PDB file of N, CA and C in Angstrom:
ATOM      1  N   MET A   1       1.112  -1.108   0.044  1.00  0.00           N
ATOM      2  CA  MET A   1       0.014   0.239   0.035  1.00  0.00           C
ATOM      3  C   MET A   1       1.003   1.328   0.099  1.00  0.00           C
ATOM      4  N   ARG A   2       0.696   2.007  -1.520  1.00  0.00           N
ATOM      5  CA  ARG A   2       1.063   3.611  -1.072  1.00  0.00           C
ATOM      6  C   ARG A   2       0.433   4.547  -1.039  1.00  0.00           C
ATOM      7  N   LEU A   3       0.193   5.052   0.311  1.00  0.00           N
ATOM      8  CA  LEU A   3       0.229   6.528   0.684  1.00  0.00           C
ATOM      9  C   LEU A   3       0.426   7.637   0.507  1.00  0.00           C
ATOM     10  N   ARG A   4      -0.990   8.775   0.192  1.00  0.00           N
ATOM     11  CA  ARG A   4      -0.554   9.941  -0.152  1.00  0.00           C
ATOM     12  C   ARG A   4      -1.295  11.120   0.109  1.00  0.00           C
ATOM     13  N   ILE A   5      -1.122  12.664   1.043  1.00  0.00           N
ATOM     14  CA  ILE A   5      -1.969  13.314   1.554  1.00  0.00           C
ATOM     15  C   ILE A   5      -2.644  13.959   0.683  1.00  0.00           C
ATOM     16  N   GLN A   6      -3.988  14.139   0.488  1.00  0.00           N
ATOM     17  CA  GLN A   6      -4.934  15.054  -0.891  1.00  0.00           C
ATOM     18  C   GLN A   6      -5.462  15.665   0.512  1.00  0.00           C
ATOM     19  N   ARG A   7      -5.968  16.798  -0.429  1.00  0.00           N
ATOM     20  CA  ARG A   7      -7.105  17.762  -0.124  1.00  0.00           C
ATOM     21  C   ARG A   7      -8.433  17.580  -1.292  1.00  0.00           C
ATOM     22  N   THR A   8      -9.134  17.053  -0.309  1.00  0.00           N
ATOM     23  CA  THR A   8     -10.248  17.570  -0.845  1.00  0.00           C
ATOM     24  C   THR A   8     -11.093  18.629  -0.437  1.00  0.00           C
ATOM     25  N   ALA A   9     -12.132  19.353  -1.462  1.00  0.00           N
ATOM     26  CA  ALA A   9     -12.709  20.820  -0.985  1.00  0.00           C
ATOM     27  C   ALA A   9     -14.761  19.996  -1.105  1.00  0.00           C
ATOM     28  N   PHE A  10     -14.267  19.058  -1.677  1.00  0.00           N
ATOM     29  CA  PHE A  10     -15.825  19.060  -1.539  1.00  0.00           C
ATOM     30  C   PHE A  10     -16.261  16.935  -0.460  1.00  0.00           C
ATOM     31  N   PRO A  11     -17.093  17.502   0.709  1.00  0.00           N
ATOM     32  CA  PRO A  11     -18.335  18.452   0.707  1.00  0.00           C
ATOM     33  C   PRO A  11     -17.468  19.301   1.548  1.00  0.00           C
ATOM     34  N   ARG A  12     -17.052  19.764   2.352  1.00  0.00           N
ATOM     35  CA  ARG A  12     -15.525  20.400   2.963  1.00  0.00           C
ATOM     36  C   ARG A  12     -14.487  20.260   2.867  1.00  0.00           C
ATOM     37  N   LYS A  13     -13.989  21.080   3.356  1.00  0.00           N
ATOM     38  CA  LYS A  13     -12.245  21.293   2.923  1.00  0.00           C
ATOM     39  C   LYS A  13     -11.978  20.126   3.927  1.00  0.00           C
ATOM     40  N   THR A  14     -11.031  19.554   3.390  1.00  0.00           N
ATOM     41  CA  THR A  14     -10.224  18.146   4.279  1.00  0.00           C
ATOM     42  C   THR A  14      -8.508  18.212   4.230  1.00  0.00           C
ATOM     43  N   LEU A  15      -7.649  17.040   4.552  1.00  0.00           N
ATOM     44  CA  LEU A  15      -6.950  16.515   4.339  1.00  0.00           C
ATOM     45  C   LEU A  15      -7.473  14.900   4.681  1.00  0.00           C
ATOM     46  N   ILE A  16      -7.246  14.555   2.883  1.00  0.00           N
ATOM     47  CA  ILE A  16      -7.234  12.906   3.272  1.00  0.00           C
ATOM     48  C   ILE A  16      -5.975  11.971   3.063  1.00  0.00           C
ATOM     49  N   LEU A  17      -5.863  10.661   3.861  1.00  0.00           N
ATOM     50  CA  LEU A  17      -4.898   9.750   3.706  1.00  0.00           C
ATOM     51  C   LEU A  17      -5.807   8.705   2.833  1.00  0.00           C
ATOM     52  N   THR A  18      -4.712   8.880   1.130  1.00  0.00           N
ATOM     53  CA  THR A  18      -5.727   7.838   0.370  1.00  0.00           C
ATOM     54  C   THR A  18      -4.714   6.465  -0.142  1.00  0.00           C
ATOM     55  N   ASP A  19      -5.219   6.018  -0.981  1.00  0.00           N
ATOM     56  CA  ASP A  19      -4.172   4.488  -0.961  1.00  0.00           C
ATOM     57  C   ASP A  19      -3.885   5.724  -2.793  1.00  0.00           C
ATOM     58  N   THR A  20      -2.606   4.909  -3.216  1.00  0.00           N
ATOM     59  CA  THR A  20      -2.215   5.233  -4.440  1.00  0.00           C
ATOM     60  C   THR A  20      -1.770   3.923  -5.591  1.00  0.00           C
ATOM     61  N   PRO A  21      -1.929   3.643  -7.080  1.00  0.00           N
ATOM     62  CA  PRO A  21      -1.153   2.656  -7.161  1.00  0.00           C
ATOM     63  C   PRO A  21      -0.178   2.293  -7.211  1.00  0.00           C
ATOM     64  N   ARG A  22      -0.036   0.592  -7.381  1.00  0.00           N
ATOM     65  CA  ARG A  22       1.620   0.009  -7.392  1.00  0.00           C
ATOM     66  C   ARG A  22       2.198   1.333  -8.571  1.00  0.00           C
ATOM     67  N   PRO A  23       3.433   1.946  -8.401  1.00  0.00           N
ATOM     68  CA  PRO A  23       4.245   1.850 -10.110  1.00  0.00           C
ATOM     69  C   PRO A  23       4.727   1.212 -10.522  1.00  0.00           C
ATOM     70  N   ASP A  24       4.860   0.055  -9.818  1.00  0.00           N
ATOM     71  CA  ASP A  24       5.404  -1.323 -10.477  1.00  0.00           C
ATOM     72  C   ASP A  24       4.549  -1.863 -11.243  1.00  0.00           C
ATOM     73  N   CYS A  25       3.096  -1.884 -11.427  1.00  0.00           N
ATOM     74  CA  CYS A  25       2.355  -3.278 -11.526  1.00  0.00           C
ATOM     75  C   CYS A  25       1.681  -3.450 -13.114  1.00  0.00           C
ATOM     76  N   PRO A  26       2.284  -4.186 -13.202  1.00  0.00           N
ATOM     77  CA  PRO A  26       2.490  -5.156 -14.615  1.00  0.00           C
ATOM     78  C   PRO A  26       1.402  -4.858 -15.396  1.00  0.00           C
ATOM     79  N   ASP A  27       0.481  -4.911 -14.638  1.00  0.00           N
ATOM     80  CA  ASP A  27      -1.425  -4.668 -15.478  1.00  0.00           C
ATOM     81  C   ASP A  27      -1.590  -3.958 -15.796  1.00  0.00           C
ATOM     82  N   CYS A  28      -1.287  -2.504 -14.697  1.00  0.00           N
ATOM     83  CA  CYS A  28      -1.941  -1.296 -15.065  1.00  0.00           C
ATOM     84  C   CYS A  28      -0.249  -0.704 -15.486  1.00  0.00           C
ATOM     85  N   ASP A  29       0.512  -0.978 -15.253  1.00  0.00           N
ATOM     86  CA  ASP A  29       1.427   0.042 -15.366  1.00  0.00           C
ATOM     87  C   ASP A  29       1.710   1.307 -14.698  1.00  0.00           C
ATOM     88  N   GLY A  30       1.010   1.512 -13.440  1.00  0.00           N
ATOM     89  CA  GLY A  30       0.731   2.404 -12.333  1.00  0.00           C
ATOM     90  C   GLY A  30      -0.205   2.978 -12.592  1.00  0.00           C
ATOM     91  N   VAL A  31      -1.144   3.333 -13.482  1.00  0.00           N
ATOM     92  CA  VAL A  31      -2.196   3.911 -13.750  1.00  0.00           C
ATOM     93  C   VAL A  31      -3.442   3.254 -13.014  1.00  0.00           C
ATOM     94  N   GLY A  32      -3.142   2.693 -12.324  1.00  0.00           N
ATOM     95  CA  GLY A  32      -4.262   2.103 -11.430  1.00  0.00           C
ATOM     96  C   GLY A  32      -5.249   1.594 -12.395  1.00  0.00           C
ATOM     97  N   ALA A  33      -6.057   1.660 -13.353  1.00  0.00           N
ATOM     98  CA  ALA A  33      -7.088   1.973 -13.956  1.00  0.00           C
ATOM     99  C   ALA A  33      -6.518  -0.044 -15.474  1.00  0.00           C
ATOM    100  N   ILE A  34      -6.903  -0.090 -15.895  1.00  0.00           N
ATOM    101  CA  ILE A  34      -6.705  -0.930 -17.334  1.00  0.00           C
ATOM    102  C   ILE A  34      -7.625  -0.489 -18.312  1.00  0.00           C
ATOM    103  N   GLU A  35      -7.656   0.233 -19.129  1.00  0.00           N
ATOM    104  CA  GLU A  35      -8.142   0.877 -20.639  1.00  0.00           C
ATOM    105  C   GLU A  35      -8.444  -0.234 -21.790  1.00  0.00           C
ATOM    106  N   TYR A  36      -9.747  -0.485 -21.770  1.00  0.00           N
ATOM    107  CA  TYR A  36     -10.676  -1.098 -22.674  1.00  0.00           C
ATOM    108  C   TYR A  36     -11.072  -0.235 -24.034  1.00  0.00           C
ATOM    109  N   PRO A  37     -10.643  -0.017 -24.538  1.00  0.00           N
ATOM    110  CA  PRO A  37     -11.198   0.714 -26.169  1.00  0.00           C
ATOM    111  C   PRO A  37     -12.427   0.388 -26.869  1.00  0.00           C
ATOM    112  N   TYR A  38     -13.462   0.281 -27.369  1.00  0.00           N
ATOM    113  CA  TYR A  38     -14.436   0.145 -27.696  1.00  0.00           C
ATOM    114  C   TYR A  38     -14.816   0.497 -29.291  1.00  0.00           C
ATOM    115  N   GLY A  39     -15.276   0.200 -29.807  1.00  0.00           N
ATOM    116  CA  GLY A  39     -15.549   1.276 -31.407  1.00  0.00           C
ATOM    117  C   GLY A  39     -16.961   0.639 -31.345  1.00  0.00           C
ATOM    118  N   ASP A  40     -17.862   1.577 -32.659  1.00  0.00           N
ATOM    119  CA  ASP A  40     -19.279   0.975 -33.358  1.00  0.00           C
ATOM    120  C   ASP A  40     -19.026  -0.232 -33.326  1.00  0.00           C
ATOM    121  N   TYR A  41     -20.721  -0.769 -33.396  1.00  0.00           N
ATOM    122  CA  TYR A  41     -20.954  -1.910 -34.026  1.00  0.00           C
ATOM    123  C   TYR A  41     -21.094  -1.625 -35.091  1.00  0.00           C
ATOM    124  N   ASP A  42     -21.305  -0.508 -36.553  1.00  0.00           N
ATOM    125  CA  ASP A  42     -21.919  -0.844 -37.620  1.00  0.00           C
ATOM    126  C   ASP A  42     -20.811   0.026 -38.087  1.00  0.00           C
ATOM    127  N   THR A  43     -20.180   0.241 -37.710  1.00  0.00           N
ATOM    128  CA  THR A  43     -19.165   1.226 -38.681  1.00  0.00           C
ATOM    129  C   THR A  43     -17.088   0.891 -38.090  1.00  0.00           C
ATOM    130  N   GLY A  44     -17.417   0.163 -36.643  1.00  0.00           N
ATOM    131  CA  GLY A  44     -16.073   0.061 -36.387  1.00  0.00           C
ATOM    132  C   GLY A  44     -15.032   1.141 -35.884  1.00  0.00           C
ATOM    133  N   GLU A  45     -15.497   2.220 -36.126  1.00  0.00           N
ATOM    134  CA  GLU A  45     -14.968   3.022 -35.131  1.00  0.00           C
ATOM    135  C   GLU A  45     -14.740   3.484 -34.102  1.00  0.00           C
ATOM    136  N   TYR A  46     -13.764   3.932 -33.506  1.00  0.00           N
ATOM    137  CA  TYR A  46     -13.653   3.984 -31.668  1.00  0.00           C
ATOM    138  C   TYR A  46     -14.717   5.040 -31.177  1.00  0.00           C
ATOM    139  N   ALA A  47     -15.346   4.678 -30.537  1.00  0.00           N
ATOM    140  CA  ALA A  47     -16.388   5.261 -30.030  1.00  0.00           C
ATOM    141  C   ALA A  47     -16.065   5.657 -28.719  1.00  0.00           C
ATOM    142  N   GLY A  48     -15.234   5.313 -27.740  1.00  0.00           N
ATOM    143  CA  GLY A  48     -14.742   5.610 -26.301  1.00  0.00           C
ATOM    144  C   GLY A  48     -13.929   4.152 -25.654  1.00  0.00           C
ATOM    145  N   SER A  49     -13.590   4.484 -24.642  1.00  0.00           N
ATOM    146  CA  SER A  49     -13.331   3.191 -23.540  1.00  0.00           C
ATOM    147  C   SER A  49     -13.483   3.412 -22.439  1.00  0.00           C
ATOM    148  N   ASN A  50     -13.728   2.525 -21.353  1.00  0.00           N
ATOM    149  CA  ASN A  50     -14.372   1.405 -20.307  1.00  0.00           C
ATOM    150  C   ASN A  50     -12.591   2.025 -19.549  1.00  0.00           C
ATOM    151  N   TRP A  51     -12.635   1.664 -18.480  1.00  0.00           N
ATOM    152  CA  TRP A  51     -11.463   1.481 -17.597  1.00  0.00           C
ATOM    153  C   TRP A  51     -12.282   1.178 -16.313  1.00  0.00           C
ATOM    154  N   ASP A  52     -11.008  -0.306 -15.976  1.00  0.00           N
ATOM    155  CA  ASP A  52     -11.808  -1.396 -15.423  1.00  0.00           C
ATOM    156  C   ASP A  52     -10.830  -0.855 -13.932  1.00  0.00           C
ATOM    157  N   PRO A  53     -10.561  -0.692 -12.557  1.00  0.00           N
ATOM    158  CA  PRO A  53      -9.898  -0.478 -11.949  1.00  0.00           C
ATOM    159  C   PRO A  53      -9.330  -1.980 -11.595  1.00  0.00           C
ATOM    160  N   CYS A  54      -7.593  -1.866 -11.697  1.00  0.00           N
ATOM    161  CA  CYS A  54      -6.989  -2.753 -11.432  1.00  0.00           C
ATOM    162  C   CYS A  54      -6.518  -3.237  -9.749  1.00  0.00           C
ATOM    163  N   THR A  55      -6.271  -4.140  -9.502  1.00  0.00           N
ATOM    164  CA  THR A  55      -6.444  -4.937  -8.147  1.00  0.00           C
ATOM    165  C   THR A  55      -4.835  -4.292  -6.998  1.00  0.00           C
ATOM    166  N   CYS A  56      -4.225  -4.022  -8.057  1.00  0.00           N
ATOM    167  CA  CYS A  56      -3.547  -3.275  -6.906  1.00  0.00           C
ATOM    168  C   CYS A  56      -4.012  -2.176  -6.399  1.00  0.00           C
ATOM    169  N   TRP A  57      -5.270  -1.454  -6.791  1.00  0.00           N
ATOM    170  CA  TRP A  57      -5.490  -0.161  -5.816  1.00  0.00           C
ATOM    171  C   TRP A  57      -6.547  -0.161  -5.294  1.00  0.00           C
ATOM    172  N   HIS A  58      -7.358   0.719  -3.998  1.00  0.00           N
ATOM    173  CA  HIS A  58      -8.193   0.026  -3.802  1.00  0.00           C
ATOM    174  C   HIS A  58      -9.005   2.008  -3.670  1.00  0.00           C
ATOM    175  N   GLU A  59      -9.607   3.022  -4.968  1.00  0.00           N
ATOM    176  CA  GLU A  59      -9.961   3.895  -4.921  1.00  0.00           C
ATOM    177  C   GLU A  59     -11.165   4.315  -3.590  1.00  0.00           C
ATOM    178  N   ALA A  60     -11.961   3.309  -3.387  1.00  0.00           N
ATOM    179  CA  ALA A  60     -12.296   3.875  -1.946  1.00  0.00           C
ATOM    180  C   ALA A  60     -11.709   3.799  -0.768  1.00  0.00           C
ATOM    181  N   ARG A  61     -10.127   3.101  -0.520  1.00  0.00           N
ATOM    182  CA  ARG A  61      -9.889   2.843   0.362  1.00  0.00           C
ATOM    183  C   ARG A  61      -8.927   4.228   1.171  1.00  0.00           C
ATOM    184  N   ARG A  62      -9.577   5.510   1.846  1.00  0.00           N
ATOM    185  CA  ARG A  62      -9.293   6.639   2.205  1.00  0.00           C
ATOM    186  C   ARG A  62      -9.722   6.651   3.696  1.00  0.00           C
ATOM    187  N   TRP A  63      -8.612   8.244   4.400  1.00  0.00           N
ATOM    188  CA  TRP A  63      -8.874   8.196   5.992  1.00  0.00           C
ATOM    189  C   TRP A  63      -8.775   9.402   6.192  1.00  0.00           C
ATOM    190  N   LEU A  64      -9.861  10.215   6.317  1.00  0.00           N
ATOM    191  CA  LEU A  64      -9.976  11.259   6.525  1.00  0.00           C
ATOM    192  C   LEU A  64      -8.813  11.951   8.115  1.00  0.00           C
ATOM    193  N   LEU A  65      -8.325  12.022   7.182  1.00  0.00           N
ATOM    194  CA  LEU A  65      -7.490  13.707   8.520  1.00  0.00           C
ATOM    195  C   LEU A  65      -7.150  14.222   8.724  1.00  0.00           C
ATOM    196  N   LEU A  66      -8.005  15.155   8.347  1.00  0.00           N
ATOM    197  CA  LEU A  66      -7.964  16.569   9.050  1.00  0.00           C
ATOM    198  C   LEU A  66      -9.227  17.807   8.496  1.00  0.00           C
ATOM    199  N   PRO A  67     -10.178  17.902   9.688  1.00  0.00           N
ATOM    200  CA  PRO A  67     -11.092  18.245   8.229  1.00  0.00           C
ATOM    201  C   PRO A  67     -10.544  20.428   8.539  1.00  0.00           C
ATOM    202  N   LEU A  68     -10.179  20.910   7.146  1.00  0.00           N
ATOM    203  CA  LEU A  68      -9.621  21.717   7.151  1.00  0.00           C
ATOM    204  C   LEU A  68     -10.569  23.512   7.413  1.00  0.00           C
ATOM    205  N   PRO A  69     -10.446  24.751   8.201  1.00  0.00           N
ATOM    206  CA  PRO A  69     -10.876  24.945   9.122  1.00  0.00           C
ATOM    207  C   PRO A  69     -11.589  26.261   7.630  1.00  0.00           C
ATOM    208  N   SER A  70     -12.970  26.864   7.420  1.00  0.00           N
ATOM    209  CA  SER A  70     -12.831  27.908   6.130  1.00  0.00           C
ATOM    210  C   SER A  70     -13.158  29.266   7.324  1.00  0.00           C
ATOM    211  N   LEU A  71     -12.886  29.960   6.748  1.00  0.00           N
ATOM    212  CA  LEU A  71     -13.190  31.749   7.134  1.00  0.00           C
ATOM    213  C   LEU A  71     -14.626  31.991   7.496  1.00  0.00           C
ATOM    214  N   PRO A  72     -15.106  32.894   8.550  1.00  0.00           N
ATOM    215  CA  PRO A  72     -16.535  32.816   8.474  1.00  0.00           C
ATOM    216  C   PRO A  72     -16.557  34.351   7.907  1.00  0.00           C
ATOM    217  N   ARG A  73     -17.987  34.335   7.377  1.00  0.00           N
ATOM    218  CA  ARG A  73     -18.826  35.120   6.490  1.00  0.00           C
ATOM    219  C   ARG A  73     -18.335  36.745   6.366  1.00  0.00           C
ATOM    220  N   TRP A  74     -18.575  37.387   7.873  1.00  0.00           N
ATOM    221  CA  TRP A  74     -17.738  38.309   7.681  1.00  0.00           C
ATOM    222  C   TRP A  74     -16.389  38.107   7.305  1.00  0.00           C
ATOM    223  N   LEU A  75     -15.721  37.818   6.849  1.00  0.00           N
ATOM    224  CA  LEU A  75     -13.850  37.582   6.139  1.00  0.00           C
ATOM    225  C   LEU A  75     -13.946  37.970   4.588  1.00  0.00           C
ATOM    226  N   ARG A  76     -15.260  37.137   4.803  1.00  0.00           N
ATOM    227  CA  ARG A  76     -14.963  36.883   3.851  1.00  0.00           C
ATOM    228  C   ARG A  76     -15.636  37.902   2.355  1.00  0.00           C
ATOM    229  N   ARG A  77     -14.530  38.670   1.854  1.00  0.00           N
ATOM    230  CA  ARG A  77     -14.720  40.016   1.443  1.00  0.00           C
ATOM    231  C   ARG A  77     -14.176  40.308  -0.229  1.00  0.00           C
ATOM    232  N   ARG A  78     -15.137  40.350  -0.755  1.00  0.00           N
ATOM    233  CA  ARG A  78     -15.242  40.702  -2.495  1.00  0.00           C
ATOM    234  C   ARG A  78     -15.643  41.662  -2.959  1.00  0.00           C
ATOM    235  N   ARG A  79     -14.969  42.081  -3.916  1.00  0.00           N
ATOM    236  CA  ARG A  79     -15.649  43.483  -4.128  1.00  0.00           C
ATOM    237  C   ARG A  79     -15.855  42.651  -6.326  1.00  0.00           C
ATOM    238  N   ARG A  80     -17.187  43.037  -6.141  1.00  0.00           N
ATOM    239  CA  ARG A  80     -17.679  42.684  -7.196  1.00  0.00           C
ATOM    240  C   ARG A  80     -17.049  43.086  -8.345  1.00  0.00           C
ATOM    241  N   ASP A  81     -16.469  44.201  -8.481  1.00  0.00           N
ATOM    242  CA  ASP A  81     -16.072  45.707  -9.616  1.00  0.00           C
ATOM    243  C   ASP A  81     -14.770  45.290  -9.877  1.00  0.00           C
ATOM    244  N   ALA A  82     -14.416  44.127  -8.391  1.00  0.00           N
ATOM    245  CA  ALA A  82     -12.760  44.399  -9.286  1.00  0.00           C
ATOM    246  C   ALA A  82     -12.254  43.770 -10.691  1.00  0.00           C
ATOM    247  N   ASP A  83     -11.113  43.837 -11.113  1.00  0.00           N
ATOM    248  CA  ASP A  83     -10.611  42.698 -12.019  1.00  0.00           C
ATOM    249  C   ASP A  83     -10.552  41.141 -11.422  1.00  0.00           C
ATOM    250  N   PRO A  84     -10.602  40.084 -12.135  1.00  0.00           N
ATOM    251  CA  PRO A  84     -10.885  38.437 -11.364  1.00  0.00           C
ATOM    252  C   PRO A  84      -8.783  38.776 -11.471  1.00  0.00           C
ATOM    253  N   TRP A  85      -8.427  39.296 -12.436  1.00  0.00           N
ATOM    254  CA  TRP A  85      -6.770  38.724 -12.425  1.00  0.00           C
ATOM    255  C   TRP A  85      -6.298  39.503 -11.751  1.00  0.00           C
ATOM    256  N   GLY A  86      -6.491  40.390 -10.984  1.00  0.00           N
ATOM    257  CA  GLY A  86      -5.334  41.164  -9.960  1.00  0.00           C
ATOM    258  C   GLY A  86      -6.386  42.361  -9.724  1.00  0.00           C
ATOM    259  N   PRO A  87      -5.254  43.381  -9.071  1.00  0.00           N
ATOM    260  CA  PRO A  87      -5.378  44.988  -9.492  1.00  0.00           C
ATOM    261  C   PRO A  87      -5.198  45.728 -10.799  1.00  0.00           C
ATOM    262  N   GLY A  88      -6.498  46.353 -11.500  1.00  0.00           N
ATOM    263  CA  GLY A  88      -6.514  46.995 -12.433  1.00  0.00           C
ATOM    264  C   GLY A  88      -5.423  48.063 -12.619  1.00  0.00           C
ATOM    265  N   TYR A  89      -4.276  47.726 -13.704  1.00  0.00           N
ATOM    266  CA  TYR A  89      -3.487  48.777 -13.980  1.00  0.00           C
ATOM    267  C   TYR A  89      -3.688  49.129 -14.978  1.00  0.00           C
ATOM    268  N   SER A  90      -3.507  50.171 -15.717  1.00  0.00           N
ATOM    269  CA  SER A  90      -3.876  50.882 -17.484  1.00  0.00           C
ATOM    270  C   SER A  90      -2.545  51.857 -17.660  1.00  0.00           C
ATOM    271  N   ASP A  91      -2.603  51.952 -18.874  1.00  0.00           N
ATOM    272  CA  ASP A  91      -1.061  52.375 -18.860  1.00  0.00           C
ATOM    273  C   ASP A  91      -1.581  53.766 -19.690  1.00  0.00           C
ATOM    274  N   GLU A  92      -2.853  54.261 -19.808  1.00  0.00           N
ATOM    275  CA  GLU A  92      -3.202  55.758 -19.593  1.00  0.00           C
ATOM    276  C   GLU A  92      -3.345  56.313 -18.373  1.00  0.00           C
ATOM    277  N   PRO A  93      -2.713  57.208 -18.978  1.00  0.00           N
ATOM    278  CA  PRO A  93      -2.966  58.273 -18.210  1.00  0.00           C
ATOM    279  C   PRO A  93      -4.116  59.108 -17.055  1.00  0.00           C
ATOM    280  N   PRO A  94      -4.119  60.076 -16.150  1.00  0.00           N
ATOM    281  CA  PRO A  94      -4.962  60.033 -15.809  1.00  0.00           C
ATOM    282  C   PRO A  94      -5.841  60.776 -15.760  1.00  0.00           C
ATOM    283  N   PHE A  95      -5.519  61.258 -16.185  1.00  0.00           N
ATOM    284  CA  PHE A  95      -6.599  62.401 -16.649  1.00  0.00           C
ATOM    285  C   PHE A  95      -6.174  63.007 -18.505  1.00  0.00           C
TER     286      PHE A  95
END
């Protein structure tokens, strides 16, 4: 079992300890799943892929470590007229 720490945001911000696929697995090459592409029955063209989980990894194996605090509503300040990419700078003169 190879464990790593991961941050999730749903349903609440938390740190979890999760299992990762074995990197030297001969079946999935460390991806954690085996891809099965399939084609359309009539034309034979590629129509998508199915993924079956590999036996070297259990996706549902995770443990909650620490719930992260969220800011209270009165501290969350958002200016609706502000530029989302940062402060608005301009090359134009002020007059």
